[in-house]
Amino acid sequence: MDFKVLGANLGLEESEFIELVELFLSTVKLDLEKLTTAYQSGDFEAVAESAHSLKGSSGNLGFTELSVLSKNAEDKGRENDLSGFAEIIDSMSQQIGKIKECLEQSI
């Protein structure tokens, strides 16, 4: 994951992109918690909404793997099918960890 390239894709300098990633990471933890809570309570609509938000924010920054996982989670919520959802959340958490590691290496 090259923040310089991802930033350039948005017309940003690497330092500007890093600021956006820091903001993203400060909010994504809460977003993932909301998604997890919705999943645990079986609230399909909240699952779809939370996943949709994560899909958009991660996709806008070029974090494709996280965006695809979020799309899968959103689809499951809309289909009222949460089978295998814990694995999706685990994978999302791992992707967020990778983004955090890349940020730490970039600053």
N, C-alpha and C. Protein backbone atom coordinates (compact mmCIF):
# COMPACT_ATOMS: atom_id res chain seq x y z
N MET A 1 0.86 -1.17 0.00
CA MET A 1 0.00 0.00 0.00
C MET A 1 0.90 1.23 0.00
N ASP A 2 0.87 1.95 -1.07
CA ASP A 2 1.75 3.10 -1.25
C ASP A 2 0.94 4.38 -1.10
N PHE A 3 1.11 5.06 0.04
CA PHE A 3 0.34 6.26 0.30
C PHE A 3 0.65 7.38 -0.68
N LYS A 4 1.87 7.39 -1.19
CA LYS A 4 2.22 8.41 -2.18
C LYS A 4 1.37 8.24 -3.44
N VAL A 5 1.25 7.00 -3.90
CA VAL A 5 0.46 6.70 -5.09
C VAL A 5 -1.03 6.92 -4.82
N LEU A 6 -1.51 6.43 -3.68
CA LEU A 6 -2.92 6.61 -3.35
C LEU A 6 -3.28 8.08 -3.25
N GLY A 7 -2.39 8.87 -2.64
CA GLY A 7 -2.62 10.31 -2.56
C GLY A 7 -2.62 10.96 -3.92
N ALA A 8 -1.68 10.56 -4.76
CA ALA A 8 -1.59 11.13 -6.11
C ALA A 8 -2.86 10.83 -6.91
N ASN A 9 -3.45 9.66 -6.67
CA ASN A 9 -4.70 9.31 -7.35
C ASN A 9 -5.83 10.29 -7.01
N LEU A 10 -5.70 10.92 -5.84
CA LEU A 10 -6.70 11.89 -5.40
C LEU A 10 -6.24 13.33 -5.63
N GLY A 11 -5.07 13.48 -6.24
CA GLY A 11 -4.53 14.81 -6.47
C GLY A 11 -3.93 15.43 -5.23
N LEU A 12 -3.46 14.59 -4.31
CA LEU A 12 -2.92 15.06 -3.03
C LEU A 12 -1.45 14.72 -2.91
N GLU A 13 -0.75 15.53 -2.14
CA GLU A 13 0.61 15.19 -1.74
C GLU A 13 0.52 14.06 -0.71
N GLU A 14 1.61 13.34 -0.55
CA GLU A 14 1.61 12.23 0.41
C GLU A 14 1.25 12.71 1.81
N SER A 15 1.78 13.86 2.23
CA SER A 15 1.51 14.37 3.57
C SER A 15 0.02 14.69 3.76
N GLU A 16 -0.62 15.19 2.72
CA GLU A 16 -2.05 15.48 2.79
C GLU A 16 -2.85 14.18 2.89
N PHE A 17 -2.43 13.19 2.12
CA PHE A 17 -3.11 11.90 2.16
C PHE A 17 -2.96 11.26 3.53
N ILE A 18 -1.77 11.38 4.11
CA ILE A 18 -1.54 10.82 5.45
C ILE A 18 -2.49 11.44 6.46
N GLU A 19 -2.74 12.74 6.34
CA GLU A 19 -3.70 13.40 7.24
C GLU A 19 -5.09 12.79 7.09
N LEU A 20 -5.48 12.51 5.85
CA LEU A 20 -6.79 11.88 5.62
C LEU A 20 -6.83 10.47 6.21
N VAL A 21 -5.74 9.74 6.08
CA VAL A 21 -5.69 8.38 6.63
C VAL A 21 -5.78 8.44 8.15
N GLU A 22 -5.12 9.40 8.76
CA GLU A 22 -5.21 9.56 10.22
C GLU A 22 -6.65 9.83 10.64
N LEU A 23 -7.33 10.69 9.91
CA LEU A 23 -8.74 10.97 10.19
C LEU A 23 -9.59 9.71 9.99
N PHE A 24 -9.35 9.01 8.89
CA PHE A 24 -10.06 7.77 8.61
C PHE A 24 -9.89 6.77 9.75
N LEU A 25 -8.66 6.59 10.20
CA LEU A 25 -8.41 5.61 11.26
C LEU A 25 -9.03 6.04 12.59
N SER A 26 -9.16 7.35 12.80
CA SER A 26 -9.77 7.81 14.04
C SER A 26 -11.28 7.55 14.07
N THR A 27 -11.90 7.40 12.92
CA THR A 27 -13.34 7.16 12.87
C THR A 27 -13.71 5.72 12.53
N VAL A 28 -12.82 5.01 11.85
CA VAL A 28 -13.16 3.67 11.37
C VAL A 28 -13.34 2.69 12.52
N LYS A 29 -12.65 2.90 13.62
CA LYS A 29 -12.81 2.00 14.77
C LYS A 29 -14.25 2.06 15.28
N LEU A 30 -14.79 3.26 15.40
CA LEU A 30 -16.18 3.42 15.84
C LEU A 30 -17.14 2.81 14.81
N ASP A 31 -16.85 3.02 13.53
CA ASP A 31 -17.69 2.44 12.48
C ASP A 31 -17.71 0.91 12.56
N LEU A 32 -16.55 0.32 12.80
CA LEU A 32 -16.48 -1.14 12.91
C LEU A 32 -17.21 -1.63 14.16
N GLU A 33 -17.12 -0.85 15.24
CA GLU A 33 -17.85 -1.21 16.46
C GLU A 33 -19.36 -1.16 16.22
N LYS A 34 -19.83 -0.14 15.50
CA LYS A 34 -21.26 -0.05 15.17
C LYS A 34 -21.69 -1.25 14.33
N LEU A 35 -20.86 -1.61 13.37
CA LEU A 35 -21.16 -2.75 12.51
C LEU A 35 -21.22 -4.03 13.33
N THR A 36 -20.28 -4.21 14.22
CA THR A 36 -20.24 -5.40 15.07
C THR A 36 -21.46 -5.47 15.97
N THR A 37 -21.82 -4.35 16.58
CA THR A 37 -23.00 -4.30 17.45
C THR A 37 -24.26 -4.63 16.66
N ALA A 38 -24.39 -4.07 15.48
CA ALA A 38 -25.56 -4.35 14.63
C ALA A 38 -25.62 -5.83 14.28
N TYR A 39 -24.48 -6.40 13.95
CA TYR A 39 -24.41 -7.84 13.63
C TYR A 39 -24.83 -8.67 14.83
N GLN A 40 -24.27 -8.35 15.99
CA GLN A 40 -24.55 -9.14 17.19
C GLN A 40 -26.02 -9.06 17.61
N SER A 41 -26.66 -7.94 17.30
CA SER A 41 -28.08 -7.79 17.66
C SER A 41 -29.01 -8.26 16.53
N GLY A 42 -28.43 -8.67 15.41
CA GLY A 42 -29.24 -9.15 14.29
C GLY A 42 -30.01 -8.06 13.58
N ASP A 43 -29.52 -6.83 13.66
CA ASP A 43 -30.17 -5.68 13.03
C ASP A 43 -29.67 -5.54 11.59
N PHE A 44 -30.37 -6.17 10.67
CA PHE A 44 -29.94 -6.22 9.27
C PHE A 44 -29.81 -4.83 8.65
N GLU A 45 -30.77 -3.96 8.94
CA GLU A 45 -30.74 -2.62 8.36
C GLU A 45 -29.52 -1.84 8.85
N ALA A 46 -29.24 -1.92 10.15
CA ALA A 46 -28.08 -1.22 10.70
C ALA A 46 -26.78 -1.82 10.16
N VAL A 47 -26.76 -3.12 9.95
CA VAL A 47 -25.58 -3.76 9.34
C VAL A 47 -25.34 -3.17 7.96
N ALA A 48 -26.39 -3.11 7.15
CA ALA A 48 -26.25 -2.59 5.79
C ALA A 48 -25.80 -1.13 5.80
N GLU A 49 -26.39 -0.32 6.69
CA GLU A 49 -26.04 1.10 6.75
C GLU A 49 -24.60 1.30 7.20
N SER A 50 -24.19 0.60 8.25
CA SER A 50 -22.82 0.73 8.76
C SER A 50 -21.81 0.27 7.72
N ALA A 51 -22.10 -0.85 7.09
CA ALA A 51 -21.19 -1.38 6.08
C ALA A 51 -21.11 -0.44 4.87
N HIS A 52 -22.23 0.16 4.52
CA HIS A 52 -22.26 1.10 3.39
C HIS A 52 -21.35 2.30 3.68
N SER A 53 -21.40 2.79 4.90
CA SER A 53 -20.55 3.91 5.30
C SER A 53 -19.07 3.54 5.20
N LEU A 54 -18.73 2.37 5.69
CA LEU A 54 -17.35 1.89 5.61
C LEU A 54 -16.91 1.67 4.17
N LYS A 55 -17.81 1.17 3.36
CA LYS A 55 -17.50 0.95 1.94
C LYS A 55 -17.13 2.26 1.27
N GLY A 56 -17.91 3.28 1.53
CA GLY A 56 -17.66 4.58 0.91
C GLY A 56 -16.38 5.22 1.36
N SER A 57 -16.16 5.26 2.66
CA SER A 57 -14.96 5.94 3.17
C SER A 57 -13.69 5.20 2.76
N SER A 58 -13.71 3.89 2.81
CA SER A 58 -12.51 3.13 2.43
C SER A 58 -12.29 3.19 0.92
N GLY A 59 -13.36 3.13 0.17
CA GLY A 59 -13.25 3.19 -1.28
C GLY A 59 -12.74 4.54 -1.77
N ASN A 60 -13.20 5.61 -1.13
CA ASN A 60 -12.76 6.95 -1.52
C ASN A 60 -11.26 7.15 -1.33
N LEU A 61 -10.69 6.45 -0.37
CA LEU A 61 -9.26 6.58 -0.10
C LEU A 61 -8.43 5.56 -0.89
N GLY A 62 -9.10 4.67 -1.60
CA GLY A 62 -8.37 3.69 -2.39
C GLY A 62 -8.04 2.41 -1.66
N PHE A 63 -8.68 2.19 -0.52
CA PHE A 63 -8.45 0.96 0.25
C PHE A 63 -9.41 -0.11 -0.28
N THR A 64 -9.06 -0.65 -1.42
CA THR A 64 -9.95 -1.51 -2.19
C THR A 64 -10.37 -2.77 -1.43
N GLU A 65 -9.42 -3.43 -0.78
CA GLU A 65 -9.75 -4.68 -0.09
C GLU A 65 -10.78 -4.44 1.01
N LEU A 66 -10.60 -3.37 1.77
CA LEU A 66 -11.55 -3.05 2.83
C LEU A 66 -12.90 -2.65 2.23
N SER A 67 -12.88 -1.94 1.14
CA SER A 67 -14.11 -1.53 0.47
C SER A 67 -14.89 -2.75 -0.04
N VAL A 68 -14.19 -3.72 -0.61
CA VAL A 68 -14.85 -4.94 -1.10
C VAL A 68 -15.46 -5.73 0.06
N LEU A 69 -14.72 -5.85 1.15
CA LEU A 69 -15.25 -6.53 2.33
C LEU A 69 -16.49 -5.81 2.86
N SER A 70 -16.44 -4.49 2.86
CA SER A 70 -17.58 -3.69 3.32
C SER A 70 -18.79 -3.89 2.41
N LYS A 71 -18.54 -3.99 1.12
CA LYS A 71 -19.62 -4.26 0.16
C LYS A 71 -20.24 -5.63 0.43
N ASN A 72 -19.40 -6.61 0.71
CA ASN A 72 -19.91 -7.95 1.05
C ASN A 72 -20.78 -7.89 2.30
N ALA A 73 -20.32 -7.13 3.31
CA ALA A 73 -21.08 -6.99 4.55
C ALA A 73 -22.40 -6.28 4.29
N GLU A 74 -22.35 -5.23 3.48
CA GLU A 74 -23.58 -4.49 3.13
C GLU A 74 -24.58 -5.42 2.43
N ASP A 75 -24.10 -6.19 1.48
CA ASP A 75 -24.97 -7.12 0.75
C ASP A 75 -25.61 -8.12 1.70
N LYS A 76 -24.83 -8.64 2.63
CA LYS A 76 -25.37 -9.62 3.59
C LYS A 76 -26.48 -8.99 4.43
N GLY A 77 -26.26 -7.74 4.86
CA GLY A 77 -27.29 -7.05 5.63
C GLY A 77 -28.56 -6.85 4.82
N ARG A 78 -28.42 -6.45 3.58
CA ARG A 78 -29.59 -6.22 2.71
C ARG A 78 -30.31 -7.53 2.38
N GLU A 79 -29.57 -8.63 2.36
CA GLU A 79 -30.16 -9.94 2.05
C GLU A 79 -30.66 -10.66 3.30
N ASN A 80 -30.55 -10.01 4.46
CA ASN A 80 -30.95 -10.62 5.74
C ASN A 80 -30.26 -11.96 5.95
N ASP A 81 -28.98 -12.02 5.63
CA ASP A 81 -28.19 -13.24 5.75
C ASP A 81 -26.85 -12.90 6.39
N LEU A 82 -26.74 -13.20 7.67
CA LEU A 82 -25.50 -12.88 8.37
C LEU A 82 -24.61 -14.10 8.58
N SER A 83 -24.86 -15.16 7.82
CA SER A 83 -23.99 -16.33 7.92
C SER A 83 -22.58 -15.95 7.46
N GLY A 84 -21.60 -16.40 8.19
CA GLY A 84 -20.21 -16.09 7.86
C GLY A 84 -19.81 -14.65 8.13
N PHE A 85 -20.66 -13.91 8.81
CA PHE A 85 -20.41 -12.48 9.00
C PHE A 85 -19.25 -12.22 9.95
N ALA A 86 -19.07 -13.08 10.94
CA ALA A 86 -17.95 -12.88 11.88
C ALA A 86 -16.62 -12.91 11.14
N GLU A 87 -16.51 -13.76 10.14
CA GLU A 87 -15.28 -13.84 9.35
C GLU A 87 -15.06 -12.56 8.55
N ILE A 88 -16.14 -11.98 8.04
CA ILE A 88 -16.02 -10.72 7.31
C ILE A 88 -15.52 -9.63 8.23
N ILE A 89 -16.08 -9.56 9.43
CA ILE A 89 -15.64 -8.54 10.40
C ILE A 89 -14.18 -8.75 10.75
N ASP A 90 -13.77 -10.00 10.96
CA ASP A 90 -12.36 -10.28 11.26
C ASP A 90 -11.46 -9.82 10.12
N SER A 91 -11.86 -10.10 8.90
CA SER A 91 -11.06 -9.68 7.74
C SER A 91 -11.01 -8.16 7.63
N MET A 92 -12.11 -7.50 7.92
CA MET A 92 -12.13 -6.04 7.90
C MET A 92 -11.18 -5.48 8.95
N SER A 93 -11.21 -6.07 10.12
CA SER A 93 -10.32 -5.63 11.20
C SER A 93 -8.85 -5.81 10.81
N GLN A 94 -8.55 -6.92 10.14
CA GLN A 94 -7.18 -7.15 9.68
C GLN A 94 -6.76 -6.11 8.65
N GLN A 95 -7.66 -5.76 7.74
CA GLN A 95 -7.34 -4.75 6.73
C GLN A 95 -7.10 -3.39 7.38
N ILE A 96 -7.90 -3.06 8.37
CA ILE A 96 -7.71 -1.80 9.09
C ILE A 96 -6.35 -1.82 9.78
N GLY A 97 -5.97 -2.97 10.34
CA GLY A 97 -4.65 -3.10 10.95
C GLY A 97 -3.53 -2.88 9.95
N LYS A 98 -3.70 -3.39 8.74
CA LYS A 98 -2.69 -3.19 7.70
C LYS A 98 -2.57 -1.72 7.32
N ILE A 99 -3.70 -1.03 7.24
CA ILE A 99 -3.67 0.40 6.93
C ILE A 99 -2.93 1.15 8.04
N LYS A 100 -3.22 0.78 9.28
CA LYS A 100 -2.55 1.42 10.42
C LYS A 100 -1.05 1.18 10.37
N GLU A 101 -0.64 -0.05 10.06
CA GLU A 101 0.79 -0.37 9.94
C GLU A 101 1.46 0.47 8.85
N CYS A 102 0.79 0.59 7.72
CA CYS A 102 1.33 1.40 6.62
C CYS A 102 1.47 2.85 7.04
N LEU A 103 0.50 3.34 7.78
CA LEU A 103 0.56 4.72 8.26
C LEU A 103 1.76 4.90 9.17
N GLU A 104 1.95 3.97 10.10
CA GLU A 104 3.06 4.06 11.04
C GLU A 104 4.40 4.04 10.32
N GLN A 105 4.49 3.29 9.23
CA GLN A 105 5.73 3.23 8.46
C GLN A 105 5.95 4.49 7.63
N SER A 106 4.86 5.21 7.36
CA SER A 106 4.94 6.40 6.51
C SER A 106 5.27 7.68 7.27
N ILE A 107 5.08 7.63 8.60
CA ILE A 107 5.33 8.86 9.37
C ILE A 107 6.57 8.75 10.22
